[in-house]
N, C-alpha and C. Protein backbone atom coordinates (compact mmCIF):
# COMPACT_ATOMS: atom_id res chain seq x y z
N MET A 1 70.32 69.20 72.98
CA MET A 1 71.41 68.50 73.66
C MET A 1 71.31 68.69 75.13
N PRO A 2 71.21 67.67 75.95
CA PRO A 2 71.19 67.86 77.43
C PRO A 2 72.50 68.46 77.93
N GLU A 3 72.30 69.29 79.01
CA GLU A 3 73.47 69.89 79.61
C GLU A 3 74.29 68.89 80.39
N LYS A 4 75.57 69.13 80.47
CA LYS A 4 76.42 68.18 81.25
C LYS A 4 76.31 68.54 82.65
N PRO A 5 76.26 67.58 83.58
CA PRO A 5 76.20 67.83 85.02
C PRO A 5 77.54 68.36 85.42
N PRO A 6 77.54 68.99 86.61
CA PRO A 6 78.88 69.48 87.09
C PRO A 6 79.87 68.26 87.22
N ARG A 7 81.12 68.57 86.86
CA ARG A 7 82.10 67.54 86.88
C ARG A 7 82.72 67.27 88.20
N SER A 8 83.31 66.17 88.40
CA SER A 8 84.15 65.89 89.54
C SER A 8 85.46 66.46 89.34
N LEU A 9 86.17 66.81 90.34
CA LEU A 9 87.50 67.36 90.17
C LEU A 9 88.57 66.31 90.01
N ASP A 10 89.30 66.36 89.00
CA ASP A 10 90.54 65.53 88.96
C ASP A 10 91.72 66.46 88.96
N LEU A 11 92.85 65.95 89.01
CA LEU A 11 94.10 66.73 89.21
C LEU A 11 94.35 67.67 87.92
N GLU A 12 93.80 67.30 86.81
CA GLU A 12 93.95 68.12 85.55
C GLU A 12 92.96 69.23 85.41
N GLN A 13 91.93 69.26 86.22
CA GLN A 13 90.93 70.33 85.99
C GLN A 13 90.99 71.35 87.08
N PRO A 14 90.61 72.55 86.78
CA PRO A 14 90.60 73.65 87.76
C PRO A 14 89.38 73.37 88.70
N CYS A 15 89.33 74.14 89.81
CA CYS A 15 88.26 74.00 90.69
C CYS A 15 86.94 74.31 90.11
N ASN A 16 85.93 73.84 90.69
CA ASN A 16 84.60 74.04 90.29
C ASN A 16 84.20 75.52 90.67
N HIS A 17 83.25 76.03 89.90
CA HIS A 17 82.80 77.47 90.18
C HIS A 17 81.44 77.39 90.89
N PHE A 18 81.30 77.99 92.03
CA PHE A 18 80.13 77.94 92.83
C PHE A 18 79.32 79.25 92.71
N GLU A 19 78.01 79.19 92.60
CA GLU A 19 77.12 80.31 92.54
C GLU A 19 75.88 79.97 93.43
N LEU A 20 75.48 81.03 94.11
CA LEU A 20 74.20 80.91 94.92
C LEU A 20 73.32 82.00 94.35
N ARG A 21 72.16 81.66 93.76
CA ARG A 21 71.28 82.67 93.06
C ARG A 21 69.85 82.52 93.69
N LEU A 22 69.15 83.72 93.59
CA LEU A 22 67.75 83.66 93.86
C LEU A 22 67.11 83.02 92.70
N GLU A 23 66.12 82.21 92.88
CA GLU A 23 65.40 81.60 91.78
C GLU A 23 64.73 82.58 90.90
N ASP A 24 64.70 82.39 89.58
CA ASP A 24 64.12 83.22 88.61
C ASP A 24 62.67 83.58 89.03
N GLY A 25 62.39 84.80 88.97
CA GLY A 25 61.02 85.27 89.29
C GLY A 25 60.86 85.90 90.74
N VAL A 26 61.83 85.62 91.61
CA VAL A 26 61.73 86.03 92.97
C VAL A 26 61.70 87.58 92.99
N ALA A 27 62.64 88.26 92.23
CA ALA A 27 62.69 89.74 92.23
C ALA A 27 61.46 90.33 91.66
N GLN A 28 60.70 89.58 90.88
CA GLN A 28 59.52 90.13 90.25
C GLN A 28 58.28 89.81 91.09
N GLY A 29 58.46 89.19 92.20
CA GLY A 29 57.37 88.85 93.06
C GLY A 29 56.50 87.65 92.63
N LYS A 30 57.12 86.73 91.86
CA LYS A 30 56.35 85.66 91.25
C LYS A 30 56.16 84.51 92.25
N HIS A 31 56.87 84.45 93.39
CA HIS A 31 56.81 83.35 94.35
C HIS A 31 56.07 83.86 95.59
N LEU A 32 54.79 83.85 95.58
CA LEU A 32 54.04 84.39 96.73
C LEU A 32 53.49 83.27 97.56
N THR A 33 53.59 83.34 98.90
CA THR A 33 53.02 82.44 99.85
C THR A 33 52.41 83.28 100.92
N ASP A 34 51.18 83.14 101.08
CA ASP A 34 50.43 83.91 102.13
C ASP A 34 50.72 85.45 101.94
N GLY A 35 50.78 85.95 100.71
CA GLY A 35 50.98 87.33 100.45
C GLY A 35 52.36 87.81 100.54
N LYS A 36 53.28 86.89 100.90
CA LYS A 36 54.73 87.35 100.99
C LYS A 36 55.55 86.66 99.87
N ILE A 37 56.64 87.30 99.45
CA ILE A 37 57.47 86.83 98.45
C ILE A 37 58.47 85.87 99.10
N THR A 38 58.46 84.59 98.64
CA THR A 38 59.39 83.65 99.22
C THR A 38 60.74 83.72 98.55
N LEU A 39 61.81 83.76 99.29
CA LEU A 39 63.18 83.93 98.77
C LEU A 39 63.74 82.57 98.40
N TYR A 40 63.26 81.96 97.39
CA TYR A 40 63.82 80.61 96.94
C TYR A 40 65.24 80.80 96.36
N SER A 41 66.13 79.85 96.65
CA SER A 41 67.48 79.97 96.13
C SER A 41 67.95 78.72 95.40
N GLU A 42 68.90 78.87 94.60
CA GLU A 42 69.46 77.79 93.81
C GLU A 42 70.99 77.75 93.89
N ILE A 43 71.52 76.61 93.86
CA ILE A 43 73.03 76.42 93.77
C ILE A 43 73.35 76.06 92.31
N TRP A 44 74.27 76.81 91.75
CA TRP A 44 74.78 76.58 90.43
C TRP A 44 76.31 76.23 90.47
N VAL A 45 76.75 75.17 89.68
CA VAL A 45 78.09 74.78 89.73
C VAL A 45 78.56 74.77 88.19
N ASP A 46 79.58 75.55 87.96
CA ASP A 46 80.17 75.58 86.61
C ASP A 46 79.14 75.95 85.58
N GLY A 47 78.27 76.93 85.92
CA GLY A 47 77.19 77.37 85.08
C GLY A 47 76.00 76.47 84.94
N HIS A 48 75.94 75.45 85.67
CA HIS A 48 74.82 74.51 85.65
C HIS A 48 74.03 74.46 86.94
N HIS A 49 72.76 74.54 86.83
CA HIS A 49 71.97 74.54 88.11
C HIS A 49 72.00 73.08 88.59
N ILE A 50 72.42 72.94 89.94
CA ILE A 50 72.24 71.65 90.59
C ILE A 50 70.75 71.51 90.90
N ASP A 51 70.09 70.69 90.07
CA ASP A 51 68.68 70.68 90.04
C ASP A 51 67.99 69.83 91.09
N GLU A 52 68.58 69.80 92.28
CA GLU A 52 67.86 69.16 93.41
C GLU A 52 66.67 70.05 93.75
N PRO A 53 65.51 69.38 93.71
CA PRO A 53 64.32 70.21 93.99
C PRO A 53 64.06 70.53 95.49
N HIS A 54 65.06 70.87 96.07
CA HIS A 54 64.93 70.99 97.60
C HIS A 54 65.39 72.40 98.06
N PHE A 55 64.98 72.75 99.21
CA PHE A 55 65.31 74.07 99.79
C PHE A 55 66.78 73.99 100.16
N ILE A 56 67.38 75.19 100.29
CA ILE A 56 68.82 75.29 100.65
C ILE A 56 68.78 75.84 102.09
N ASP A 57 69.55 75.13 102.97
CA ASP A 57 69.70 75.55 104.38
C ASP A 57 70.86 76.47 104.42
N LEU A 58 70.64 77.84 104.24
CA LEU A 58 71.65 78.79 104.14
C LEU A 58 72.63 78.83 105.40
N PRO A 59 72.02 78.72 106.62
CA PRO A 59 73.01 78.70 107.76
C PRO A 59 74.01 77.46 107.75
N LEU A 60 73.51 76.28 107.28
CA LEU A 60 74.39 75.15 107.20
C LEU A 60 75.41 75.34 106.03
N LEU A 61 75.00 75.95 104.94
CA LEU A 61 75.86 76.27 103.90
C LEU A 61 77.07 77.12 104.32
N VAL A 62 76.66 78.22 105.06
CA VAL A 62 77.70 79.08 105.64
C VAL A 62 78.57 78.34 106.70
N GLN A 63 77.94 77.51 107.51
CA GLN A 63 78.70 76.70 108.55
C GLN A 63 79.67 75.78 107.84
N SER A 64 79.32 75.31 106.67
CA SER A 64 80.22 74.34 105.95
C SER A 64 81.46 74.98 105.49
N LEU A 65 81.48 76.26 105.42
CA LEU A 65 82.78 76.97 105.06
C LEU A 65 83.82 76.98 106.20
N HIS A 66 83.30 76.74 107.45
CA HIS A 66 84.11 76.82 108.64
C HIS A 66 84.36 75.47 109.37
N GLU A 67 83.56 74.48 108.93
CA GLU A 67 83.64 73.22 109.67
C GLU A 67 83.51 72.03 108.68
N GLN A 68 84.15 70.98 109.09
CA GLN A 68 84.21 69.75 108.19
C GLN A 68 83.20 68.72 108.84
N ARG A 69 82.28 68.30 108.16
CA ARG A 69 81.35 67.22 108.61
C ARG A 69 80.27 67.00 107.49
N TRP A 70 79.29 66.14 107.84
CA TRP A 70 78.14 65.99 106.99
C TRP A 70 77.15 67.20 107.18
N PHE A 71 76.67 67.71 106.10
CA PHE A 71 75.73 68.79 106.24
C PHE A 71 74.50 68.49 105.35
N GLU A 72 73.28 68.86 105.81
CA GLU A 72 72.17 68.79 104.90
C GLU A 72 71.95 70.16 104.36
N ILE A 73 72.74 70.45 103.38
CA ILE A 73 72.64 71.81 102.71
C ILE A 73 71.34 71.82 101.90
N PHE A 74 70.98 70.72 101.22
CA PHE A 74 69.65 70.63 100.62
C PHE A 74 68.75 70.02 101.74
N THR A 75 67.59 70.58 101.87
CA THR A 75 66.71 70.14 103.00
C THR A 75 65.24 70.24 102.56
N CYS A 76 64.41 69.88 103.52
CA CYS A 76 62.97 70.11 103.31
C CYS A 76 62.58 71.47 103.85
N GLY A 77 61.45 71.98 103.57
CA GLY A 77 60.94 73.20 104.02
C GLY A 77 60.84 73.25 105.58
N CYS A 78 60.70 72.07 106.19
CA CYS A 78 60.62 72.03 107.62
C CYS A 78 62.05 72.09 108.23
N GLY A 79 63.10 72.04 107.46
CA GLY A 79 64.45 72.03 107.97
C GLY A 79 65.03 70.65 108.23
N VAL A 80 64.32 69.56 108.06
CA VAL A 80 64.81 68.27 108.29
C VAL A 80 64.95 67.53 106.91
N GLY A 81 66.17 67.28 106.54
CA GLY A 81 66.55 66.63 105.21
C GLY A 81 65.74 65.22 105.01
N GLU A 82 65.72 64.53 106.14
CA GLU A 82 65.10 63.17 106.02
C GLU A 82 63.66 63.28 105.56
N CYS A 83 62.90 64.31 105.99
CA CYS A 83 61.51 64.54 105.57
C CYS A 83 61.40 64.59 104.11
N ALA A 84 62.46 65.12 103.34
CA ALA A 84 62.37 65.18 101.94
C ALA A 84 63.05 63.97 101.29
N GLY A 85 63.33 62.86 102.10
CA GLY A 85 63.91 61.69 101.56
C GLY A 85 65.48 61.80 101.32
N ILE A 86 66.09 62.88 101.85
CA ILE A 86 67.52 63.07 101.66
C ILE A 86 68.24 62.04 102.70
N VAL A 87 69.03 61.25 102.02
CA VAL A 87 69.65 60.09 102.74
C VAL A 87 70.88 60.55 103.49
N ASP A 88 71.83 61.09 102.79
CA ASP A 88 73.14 61.32 103.34
C ASP A 88 73.53 62.81 103.54
N GLY A 89 73.01 63.62 102.81
CA GLY A 89 73.45 65.01 102.79
C GLY A 89 74.79 65.13 102.02
N ILE A 90 75.61 66.08 102.44
CA ILE A 90 76.92 66.37 101.69
C ILE A 90 78.00 66.27 102.67
N GLN A 91 78.97 65.47 102.37
CA GLN A 91 80.17 65.30 103.23
C GLN A 91 81.07 66.46 102.81
N VAL A 92 81.35 67.44 103.74
CA VAL A 92 82.22 68.59 103.43
C VAL A 92 83.62 68.39 104.13
N THR A 93 84.60 68.49 103.39
CA THR A 93 86.01 68.46 103.90
C THR A 93 86.77 69.70 103.41
N HIS A 94 87.76 70.12 104.17
CA HIS A 94 88.62 71.21 103.79
C HIS A 94 90.03 70.79 103.61
N ASP A 95 90.68 71.34 102.63
CA ASP A 95 92.08 71.06 102.32
C ASP A 95 92.75 72.34 101.90
N ALA A 96 93.58 72.94 102.74
CA ALA A 96 94.18 74.20 102.50
C ALA A 96 93.09 75.25 102.23
N ASP A 97 93.01 75.86 101.10
CA ASP A 97 91.99 76.83 100.83
C ASP A 97 90.84 76.35 100.00
N LEU A 98 90.63 74.99 100.03
CA LEU A 98 89.64 74.35 99.22
C LEU A 98 88.54 73.82 100.14
N VAL A 99 87.32 73.78 99.55
CA VAL A 99 86.17 73.15 100.18
C VAL A 99 85.75 72.05 99.24
N ARG A 100 85.66 70.82 99.75
CA ARG A 100 85.27 69.72 98.89
C ARG A 100 83.88 69.12 99.32
N TRP A 101 83.00 68.99 98.43
CA TRP A 101 81.76 68.40 98.63
C TRP A 101 81.71 66.96 97.97
N SER A 102 81.41 65.96 98.84
CA SER A 102 81.21 64.53 98.32
C SER A 102 79.80 64.14 98.68
N PHE A 103 79.02 63.76 97.63
CA PHE A 103 77.64 63.39 97.85
C PHE A 103 77.20 62.59 96.74
N ARG A 104 75.91 62.10 96.78
CA ARG A 104 75.36 61.27 95.75
C ARG A 104 74.14 62.02 95.18
N ARG A 105 73.93 61.88 93.86
CA ARG A 105 72.85 62.54 93.14
C ARG A 105 72.00 61.47 92.59
N PRO A 106 70.72 61.67 92.69
CA PRO A 106 70.02 62.72 93.37
C PRO A 106 70.28 62.63 94.85
N GLN A 107 70.07 63.74 95.52
CA GLN A 107 70.16 63.82 97.04
C GLN A 107 69.10 62.94 97.69
N SER A 108 67.91 63.00 97.07
CA SER A 108 66.73 62.38 97.69
C SER A 108 66.46 61.00 97.18
N ALA A 109 66.04 60.10 97.99
CA ALA A 109 65.53 58.76 97.56
C ALA A 109 64.02 58.81 97.37
N GLY A 110 63.42 59.97 97.52
CA GLY A 110 61.94 60.09 97.46
C GLY A 110 61.39 59.92 98.78
N ASN A 111 61.66 58.78 99.40
CA ASN A 111 61.29 58.51 100.81
C ASN A 111 62.40 57.59 101.35
N LEU A 112 62.37 57.41 102.68
CA LEU A 112 63.43 56.58 103.26
C LEU A 112 62.98 55.12 103.57
N LEU A 113 61.90 54.71 102.92
CA LEU A 113 61.39 53.43 103.10
C LEU A 113 61.76 52.50 101.90
N ASP A 114 61.99 51.16 102.07
CA ASP A 114 62.20 50.28 100.96
C ASP A 114 60.87 50.30 100.23
N PRO A 115 60.88 50.10 98.94
CA PRO A 115 61.93 49.89 98.05
C PRO A 115 62.59 51.11 97.42
N ALA A 116 62.04 52.34 97.78
CA ALA A 116 62.63 53.55 97.23
C ALA A 116 64.10 53.73 97.71
N LEU A 117 64.35 53.48 98.99
CA LEU A 117 65.70 53.61 99.48
C LEU A 117 66.67 52.63 98.78
N SER A 118 66.24 51.40 98.57
CA SER A 118 67.09 50.32 97.95
C SER A 118 67.39 50.76 96.59
N GLU A 119 66.41 51.27 95.80
CA GLU A 119 66.62 51.70 94.43
C GLU A 119 67.59 52.86 94.41
N TRP A 120 67.55 53.80 95.32
CA TRP A 120 68.40 54.94 95.40
C TRP A 120 69.81 54.51 95.63
N GLU A 121 69.96 53.56 96.51
CA GLU A 121 71.35 53.07 96.89
C GLU A 121 71.96 52.42 95.62
N LYS A 122 71.17 51.84 94.75
CA LYS A 122 71.75 51.20 93.55
C LYS A 122 72.02 52.25 92.43
N THR A 123 71.29 53.33 92.37
CA THR A 123 71.33 54.21 91.14
C THR A 123 71.95 55.59 91.45
N ALA A 124 71.98 56.09 92.71
CA ALA A 124 72.51 57.40 92.99
C ALA A 124 74.04 57.51 92.60
N VAL A 125 74.42 58.54 91.93
CA VAL A 125 75.77 58.67 91.41
C VAL A 125 76.69 59.51 92.29
N PRO A 126 77.80 58.93 92.71
CA PRO A 126 78.69 59.71 93.52
C PRO A 126 79.27 60.93 92.76
N VAL A 127 79.37 62.05 93.48
CA VAL A 127 79.85 63.33 92.91
C VAL A 127 80.82 63.90 93.88
N VAL A 128 81.96 64.45 93.35
CA VAL A 128 82.86 65.22 94.20
C VAL A 128 83.13 66.46 93.49
N LEU A 129 82.86 67.59 94.24
CA LEU A 129 83.00 68.97 93.69
C LEU A 129 84.05 69.63 94.61
N THR A 130 84.94 70.43 94.03
CA THR A 130 85.96 71.13 94.82
C THR A 130 85.92 72.59 94.52
N PHE A 131 85.80 73.42 95.49
CA PHE A 131 85.62 74.85 95.29
C PHE A 131 86.84 75.54 96.04
N GLU A 132 87.23 76.71 95.50
CA GLU A 132 88.13 77.58 96.23
C GLU A 132 87.25 78.25 97.27
N ARG A 133 87.68 78.22 98.54
CA ARG A 133 86.95 78.76 99.65
C ARG A 133 86.66 80.25 99.41
N ALA A 134 87.65 81.02 99.04
CA ALA A 134 87.43 82.46 98.79
C ALA A 134 86.40 82.70 97.73
N GLN A 135 86.34 81.86 96.70
CA GLN A 135 85.36 82.13 95.70
C GLN A 135 83.90 81.80 96.15
N MET A 136 83.82 80.79 97.01
CA MET A 136 82.54 80.42 97.62
C MET A 136 82.09 81.61 98.55
N VAL A 137 83.03 82.08 99.40
CA VAL A 137 82.66 83.21 100.30
C VAL A 137 82.17 84.40 99.57
N LYS A 138 82.86 84.71 98.45
CA LYS A 138 82.45 85.89 97.58
C LYS A 138 81.09 85.62 96.97
N ALA A 139 80.92 84.42 96.43
CA ALA A 139 79.57 84.09 95.87
C ALA A 139 78.41 84.22 96.80
N ILE A 140 78.60 83.72 98.08
CA ILE A 140 77.57 83.78 99.08
C ILE A 140 77.42 85.20 99.54
N ASP A 141 78.45 85.94 99.62
CA ASP A 141 78.35 87.36 99.92
C ASP A 141 77.58 88.13 98.89
N ASP A 142 77.91 87.86 97.61
CA ASP A 142 77.14 88.52 96.59
C ASP A 142 75.71 88.19 96.60
N TYR A 143 75.37 86.93 96.84
CA TYR A 143 74.03 86.51 96.94
C TYR A 143 73.29 87.29 98.15
N LEU A 144 73.94 87.43 99.27
CA LEU A 144 73.39 88.09 100.44
C LEU A 144 73.19 89.52 100.14
N ASP A 145 74.11 90.15 99.36
CA ASP A 145 73.95 91.54 98.87
C ASP A 145 72.79 91.67 98.06
N ALA A 146 72.47 90.79 97.17
CA ALA A 146 71.33 90.81 96.30
C ALA A 146 70.00 90.67 97.10
N VAL A 147 70.06 89.79 98.13
CA VAL A 147 68.90 89.59 99.05
C VAL A 147 68.72 90.92 99.79
N ARG A 148 69.71 91.49 100.35
CA ARG A 148 69.62 92.81 101.10
C ARG A 148 69.00 93.86 100.18
N ALA A 149 69.48 93.93 98.98
CA ALA A 149 69.01 94.99 98.05
C ALA A 149 67.61 94.75 97.71
N LEU A 150 67.11 93.51 97.55
CA LEU A 150 65.72 93.23 97.15
C LEU A 150 64.85 93.48 98.33
N VAL A 151 65.27 93.03 99.57
CA VAL A 151 64.44 93.22 100.74
C VAL A 151 64.37 94.62 101.14
N GLY A 152 65.48 95.36 101.05
CA GLY A 152 65.53 96.80 101.42
C GLY A 152 65.11 96.94 102.88
N VAL A 153 64.19 97.94 103.10
CA VAL A 153 63.78 98.24 104.46
C VAL A 153 62.37 97.66 104.79
N GLU A 154 61.92 96.68 103.87
CA GLU A 154 60.63 96.06 104.12
C GLU A 154 60.79 94.56 104.14
N PRO A 155 61.51 94.04 105.14
CA PRO A 155 61.68 92.52 105.19
C PRO A 155 60.36 91.83 105.50
N SER A 156 59.38 92.55 105.99
CA SER A 156 58.01 91.90 106.34
C SER A 156 57.30 91.42 105.08
N LYS A 157 57.70 91.91 103.87
CA LYS A 157 57.11 91.50 102.66
C LYS A 157 57.64 90.18 102.07
N PHE A 158 58.75 89.69 102.77
CA PHE A 158 59.38 88.56 102.26
C PHE A 158 59.45 87.48 103.34
N GLU A 159 59.60 86.23 102.89
CA GLU A 159 59.78 85.11 103.81
C GLU A 159 60.88 84.18 103.25
N TRP A 160 61.50 83.50 104.21
CA TRP A 160 62.55 82.48 103.94
C TRP A 160 61.82 81.11 103.78
N PRO A 161 62.12 80.29 102.88
CA PRO A 161 61.43 79.00 102.67
C PRO A 161 61.62 77.92 103.66
N VAL A 162 62.70 78.01 104.42
CA VAL A 162 63.04 77.02 105.39
C VAL A 162 62.63 77.39 106.80
N HIS A 163 61.82 76.55 107.39
CA HIS A 163 61.23 76.85 108.76
C HIS A 163 62.32 77.22 109.72
N GLY A 164 62.12 78.22 110.54
CA GLY A 164 62.99 78.48 111.63
C GLY A 164 63.95 79.64 111.32
N LEU A 165 64.02 80.16 110.05
CA LEU A 165 64.91 81.23 109.70
C LEU A 165 64.10 82.30 109.18
N PHE A 166 64.33 83.50 109.63
CA PHE A 166 63.57 84.72 109.18
C PHE A 166 64.46 85.47 108.25
N VAL A 167 63.81 86.32 107.42
CA VAL A 167 64.50 87.18 106.54
C VAL A 167 65.53 88.06 107.28
N GLN A 168 65.03 88.55 108.41
CA GLN A 168 65.91 89.45 109.23
C GLN A 168 67.19 88.66 109.62
N ASP A 169 67.11 87.36 109.88
CA ASP A 169 68.37 86.51 110.12
C ASP A 169 69.23 86.49 108.95
N VAL A 170 68.70 86.26 107.78
CA VAL A 170 69.36 86.12 106.50
C VAL A 170 70.17 87.43 106.22
N VAL A 171 69.58 88.57 106.34
CA VAL A 171 70.25 89.78 105.95
C VAL A 171 71.37 90.14 106.95
N ASN A 172 71.38 89.48 108.09
CA ASN A 172 72.44 89.76 109.08
C ASN A 172 73.59 88.68 109.04
N ILE A 173 73.53 87.69 108.08
CA ILE A 173 74.54 86.69 108.09
C ILE A 173 75.83 87.31 107.67
N ASP A 174 76.93 86.93 108.38
CA ASP A 174 78.29 87.30 108.07
C ASP A 174 79.03 86.01 107.63
N VAL A 175 79.30 85.90 106.35
CA VAL A 175 79.85 84.63 105.79
C VAL A 175 81.26 84.36 106.36
N SER A 176 81.97 85.40 106.74
CA SER A 176 83.32 85.16 107.39
C SER A 176 83.32 84.53 108.69
N LYS A 177 82.11 84.35 109.32
CA LYS A 177 81.97 83.78 110.64
C LYS A 177 81.14 82.56 110.61
N PRO A 178 81.34 81.52 111.42
CA PRO A 178 80.36 80.47 111.46
C PRO A 178 79.00 80.91 111.86
N PHE A 179 77.99 80.45 111.26
CA PHE A 179 76.57 80.87 111.62
C PHE A 179 76.32 80.39 113.06
N TYR A 180 76.70 79.10 113.29
CA TYR A 180 76.45 78.48 114.67
C TYR A 180 77.79 78.63 115.40
N ASP A 181 77.77 79.33 116.49
CA ASP A 181 79.04 79.46 117.31
C ASP A 181 78.94 78.35 118.37
N ILE A 182 79.29 77.13 118.07
CA ILE A 182 79.11 75.94 118.88
C ILE A 182 79.97 76.11 120.18
N GLU A 183 81.26 76.43 119.98
CA GLU A 183 82.25 76.56 121.16
C GLU A 183 81.84 77.77 122.02
N GLY A 184 81.29 78.78 121.40
CA GLY A 184 80.93 79.96 122.22
C GLY A 184 79.53 79.95 122.78
N GLY A 185 78.86 78.81 122.60
CA GLY A 185 77.54 78.56 123.10
C GLY A 185 76.43 79.29 122.41
N GLY A 186 76.64 79.82 121.19
CA GLY A 186 75.67 80.57 120.45
C GLY A 186 74.94 79.86 119.40
């Protein structure tokens, strides 16, 4: 029996449950690139893997806890979502202590040229997920603690799959603060 996809929130249902996990096999060193273990990540919602086959932009995921706008949380290894055929990204809005994601699945049209884009526009399914902000913060903190424990004192043995971010950057992320301090110039 196929698994049910994450549900959209309606007024009768509780918030969705967010998890960020290292991909199976990472801790066992199964994901090697140029002799380094690649720290591939997965987003799970309500116990189901959101099976977008794309990398996760961790800084933008953290930023989305602090700012409302469109985010390319799923991206290409180069860091540009359009390269992976991602059309819209995820619209993130905040309401009180909630974080709401609105997007279409699949995230990618395959490429951004017709006819693939036209087919995606006809078939991609709108999804709305609503998370408690505190639960998301804890889940991302738990994930970062797992990365820190795995990496230990040897970050040079590991690599981050999205270009431009280094493992040393990842272990220093503070989820309680925006990753990008736009107003402060950082």
